[in-house]
Amino acid sequence: MSFTVAIDGPAASGKGTIARAVAAHFGFAHLDTGLLYRAVGKKVMIRGDSPEIAVQMARELTPDDLMADDLRTAEVAQAASKVASIPQVRSTLVDFQKTFAKQPNGAVLDGRDIGTVICPDADVKLFVVASAEVRAERRFKELSANDTNITLEYVLEDIKTRDARDAGRDVAPMTAADDAVVLNTSKLTIRQAIAAAVAVITDKRVVD
């Protein structure tokens, strides 16, 4: 029987790291849904910045597009946040995500609206948060390894801009589901955050 874990939260909160670790721990399939929007955003950066092109790129998206090694730049992240606010782009990608969530051996999906829109009936819902300052420091360390010109101030402003856009969009805004467990990782190590998530999921599986 399938078992679905929905993990949501803002950029650099740790949700992706937690999702990958949880999937590995339980042997579940994992989908970073943000990569779908990053891949579309990257295509829009190349083909042209318009809603029509964004929708077309979403329709033409292939699994290979998710394997590109340059999807985690700050520029692509901004493009992803923009295309994610386009209703037709979101609707085009929803079916793919919902189908993935029904993996017979269990699935973990992380994103912004998994627990509220994609998998409202998920067995476990986590909403991972951290302060903007902590998240900016994490993302800065990640990005500065490949871009020595990037600054912490830029990353912090980028984080705040994305938060406002993701939470304020009309379609599927980023928000915690009413039944989600909120996990604040601001003062947790990666190991502690993963352990907390595993404990929540284990408890649910035991009860069921």
Protein backbone atom coordinates (compact mmCIF):
# COMPACT_ATOMS: atom_id res chain seq x y z
CA MET A 1 0.00 0.00 0.00
CA SER A 2 1.33 3.44 -0.91
CA PHE A 3 2.46 5.87 1.78
CA THR A 4 2.91 9.54 0.91
CA VAL A 5 5.02 12.10 2.74
CA ALA A 6 4.54 15.77 1.84
CA ILE A 7 7.32 18.14 2.86
CA ASP A 8 6.85 21.87 2.26
CA GLY A 9 8.66 25.02 3.24
CA PRO A 10 10.52 28.08 1.99
CA ALA A 11 13.86 28.09 0.17
CA ALA A 12 16.90 26.79 2.10
CA SER A 13 14.81 25.67 5.07
CA GLY A 14 16.32 22.19 4.77
CA LYS A 15 13.27 20.48 3.31
CA GLY A 16 15.14 19.03 0.34
CA THR A 17 17.91 17.54 2.47
CA ILE A 18 15.33 16.13 4.87
CA ALA A 19 13.21 14.74 2.03
CA ARG A 20 16.15 12.93 0.43
CA ALA A 21 17.25 11.47 3.76
CA VAL A 22 13.73 10.39 4.70
CA ALA A 23 13.24 8.72 1.32
CA ALA A 24 16.52 6.84 1.71
CA HIS A 25 15.70 5.82 5.29
CA PHE A 26 12.31 4.33 4.44
CA GLY A 27 13.10 3.19 0.90
CA PHE A 28 10.59 5.61 -0.63
CA ALA A 29 10.82 7.28 -4.04
CA HIS A 30 11.67 11.00 -3.89
CA LEU A 31 10.66 13.94 -6.04
CA ASP A 32 12.04 17.44 -5.58
CA THR A 33 9.13 19.25 -7.20
CA GLY A 34 11.06 22.50 -7.19
CA LEU A 35 13.24 21.05 -9.93
CA LEU A 36 10.20 20.96 -12.21
CA TYR A 37 9.80 24.71 -11.89
CA ARG A 38 13.54 25.34 -12.01
CA ALA A 39 13.77 23.39 -15.26
CA VAL A 40 10.91 25.40 -16.75
CA GLY A 41 12.42 28.62 -15.43
CA LYS A 42 15.75 27.81 -17.04
CA LYS A 43 14.07 27.19 -20.39
CA VAL A 44 12.22 30.50 -20.10
CA MET A 45 15.51 32.30 -19.46
CA ILE A 46 16.76 30.90 -22.77
CA ARG A 47 13.61 31.04 -24.89
CA GLY A 48 12.00 34.26 -23.68
CA ASP A 49 10.27 35.60 -20.57
CA SER A 50 6.54 35.38 -21.24
CA PRO A 51 3.66 33.37 -19.74
CA GLU A 52 2.95 31.74 -23.10
CA ILE A 53 6.51 30.46 -23.45
CA ALA A 54 6.52 29.29 -19.84
CA VAL A 55 3.39 27.19 -20.41
CA GLN A 56 4.86 25.75 -23.60
CA MET A 57 8.09 24.83 -21.79
CA ALA A 58 6.12 23.15 -19.01
CA ARG A 59 4.25 21.03 -21.54
CA GLU A 60 7.51 20.00 -23.23
CA LEU A 61 9.36 19.17 -19.98
CA THR A 62 11.07 15.76 -19.89
CA PRO A 63 12.73 13.80 -17.04
CA ASP A 64 16.11 14.54 -18.64
CA ASP A 65 15.52 18.26 -18.07
CA LEU A 66 15.57 17.62 -14.33
CA MET A 67 19.10 16.23 -14.55
CA ALA A 68 20.76 19.48 -15.66
CA ASP A 69 23.60 20.47 -13.33
CA ASP A 70 22.88 24.22 -13.40
CA LEU A 71 19.38 24.28 -11.97
CA ARG A 72 20.38 25.54 -8.52
CA THR A 73 21.76 28.95 -9.37
CA ALA A 74 20.21 32.07 -7.87
CA GLU A 75 19.11 33.26 -11.31
CA VAL A 76 17.30 30.01 -12.09
CA ALA A 77 15.70 30.09 -8.64
CA GLN A 78 14.23 33.51 -9.34
CA ALA A 79 13.00 32.36 -12.75
CA ALA A 80 11.44 29.29 -11.14
CA SER A 81 9.59 31.40 -8.59
CA LYS A 82 8.20 33.57 -11.38
CA VAL A 83 6.94 30.72 -13.57
CA ALA A 84 5.49 28.98 -10.51
CA SER A 85 3.10 31.92 -10.11
CA ILE A 86 1.58 31.26 -13.55
CA PRO A 87 -1.62 29.18 -13.07
CA GLN A 88 -1.32 27.31 -16.39
CA VAL A 89 2.25 26.26 -15.63
CA ARG A 90 1.22 24.90 -12.25
CA SER A 91 -1.77 23.01 -13.65
CA THR A 92 0.42 21.46 -16.35
CA LEU A 93 2.83 20.08 -13.75
CA VAL A 94 0.24 19.00 -11.16
CA ASP A 95 -0.70 15.72 -12.84
CA PHE A 96 2.92 14.59 -12.99
CA GLN A 97 3.34 15.22 -9.27
CA LYS A 98 0.07 13.54 -8.27
CA THR A 99 0.93 10.44 -10.28
CA PHE A 100 4.38 10.26 -8.70
CA ALA A 101 2.87 10.47 -5.21
CA LYS A 102 1.06 7.15 -5.77
CA GLN A 103 4.26 5.08 -5.89
CA PRO A 104 3.32 1.60 -4.55
CA ASN A 105 6.33 1.47 -2.23
CA GLY A 106 5.94 4.97 -0.83
CA ALA A 107 6.86 8.46 -1.98
CA VAL A 108 8.30 11.67 -0.56
CA LEU A 109 7.60 14.93 -2.36
CA ASP A 110 9.02 18.27 -1.31
CA GLY A 111 8.01 21.69 -2.54
CA ARG A 112 5.78 24.63 -1.63
CA ASP A 113 2.22 23.28 -2.00
CA ILE A 114 2.51 19.51 -1.63
CA GLY A 115 0.48 19.19 1.56
CA THR A 116 -2.14 21.74 0.53
CA VAL A 117 -2.64 21.17 -3.22
CA ILE A 118 -0.73 18.22 -4.66
CA CYS A 119 -1.25 15.69 -1.85
CA PRO A 120 -3.88 17.04 0.55
CA ASP A 121 -4.47 13.46 1.73
CA ALA A 122 -0.78 12.68 2.36
CA ASP A 123 -0.16 10.32 5.25
CA VAL A 124 2.38 12.71 6.77
CA LYS A 125 2.77 16.44 6.18
CA LEU A 126 5.78 18.42 7.34
CA PHE A 127 6.28 22.16 6.98
CA VAL A 128 9.97 22.94 7.41
CA VAL A 129 10.91 26.49 8.40
CA ALA A 130 13.94 28.52 9.48
CA SER A 131 14.65 32.22 9.84
CA ALA A 132 15.45 34.17 6.68
CA GLU A 133 18.92 34.97 8.04
CA VAL A 134 19.77 31.35 8.74
CA ARG A 135 18.46 30.27 5.36
CA ALA A 136 20.45 32.99 3.60
CA GLU A 137 23.66 31.84 5.28
CA ARG A 138 23.00 28.26 4.20
CA ARG A 139 22.27 29.22 0.62
CA PHE A 140 25.24 31.62 0.50
CA LYS A 141 27.64 28.83 1.46
CA GLU A 142 26.14 26.64 -1.25
CA LEU A 143 26.20 29.26 -4.01
CA SER A 144 29.51 30.95 -3.17
CA ALA A 145 31.34 27.70 -3.77
CA ASN A 146 30.69 28.21 -7.48
CA ASP A 147 30.24 31.97 -7.65
CA THR A 148 32.79 34.10 -5.79
CA ASN A 149 30.99 37.31 -6.78
CA ILE A 150 27.80 36.53 -4.89
CA THR A 151 27.24 38.26 -1.55
CA LEU A 152 25.34 37.30 1.59
CA GLU A 153 23.30 40.50 1.30
CA TYR A 154 22.17 39.55 -2.21
CA VAL A 155 21.20 36.06 -1.12
CA LEU A 156 19.22 37.37 1.86
CA GLU A 157 17.31 39.81 -0.34
CA ASP A 158 16.69 37.02 -2.85
CA ILE A 159 15.34 34.76 -0.09
CA LYS A 160 12.97 37.47 1.15
CA THR A 161 11.77 38.26 -2.38
CA ARG A 162 11.06 34.59 -3.11
CA ASP A 163 9.28 34.14 0.23
CA ALA A 164 6.97 37.07 -0.52
CA ARG A 165 6.24 35.87 -4.05
CA ASP A 166 5.67 32.23 -3.04
CA ALA A 167 3.42 33.10 -0.11
CA GLY A 168 1.53 35.85 -1.93
CA ARG A 169 0.71 34.24 -5.27
CA ASP A 170 -2.96 33.76 -6.07
CA VAL A 171 -2.63 30.09 -7.04
CA ALA A 172 -1.34 27.52 -4.54
CA PRO A 173 0.45 29.94 -2.21
CA MET A 174 3.11 28.55 0.09
CA THR A 175 1.45 27.85 3.43
CA ALA A 176 1.39 25.12 6.01
CA ALA A 177 -1.50 22.67 5.80
CA ASP A 178 -3.75 22.72 8.86
CA ASP A 179 -2.61 19.21 9.80
CA ALA A 180 1.08 19.68 9.02
CA VAL A 181 3.78 19.25 11.64
CA VAL A 182 5.93 22.39 11.67
CA LEU A 183 9.64 21.66 11.98
CA ASN A 184 11.86 24.66 12.72
CA THR A 185 15.44 23.88 11.68
CA SER A 186 16.99 27.24 12.60
CA LYS A 187 18.89 25.78 15.55
CA LEU A 188 19.07 22.15 14.44
CA THR A 189 21.94 20.32 12.83
CA ILE A 190 21.17 18.40 9.66
CA ARG A 191 21.28 15.15 11.61
CA GLN A 192 18.87 16.47 14.26
CA ALA A 193 16.43 17.76 11.64
CA ILE A 194 16.42 14.46 9.78
CA ALA A 195 15.97 12.52 13.02
CA ALA A 196 12.98 14.68 13.96
CA ALA A 197 11.34 14.09 10.58
CA VAL A 198 11.99 10.35 10.70
CA ALA A 199 10.45 10.21 14.18
CA VAL A 200 7.24 11.92 13.02
CA ILE A 201 6.89 9.54 10.06
CA THR A 202 7.73 6.46 12.13
CA ASP A 203 5.09 7.35 14.69
CA LYS A 204 2.48 7.71 11.96
CA ARG A 205 3.36 4.40 10.36
CA VAL A 206 3.20 2.61 13.72
CA VAL A 207 -0.21 4.10 14.50
CA ASP A 208 -1.55 3.11 11.10
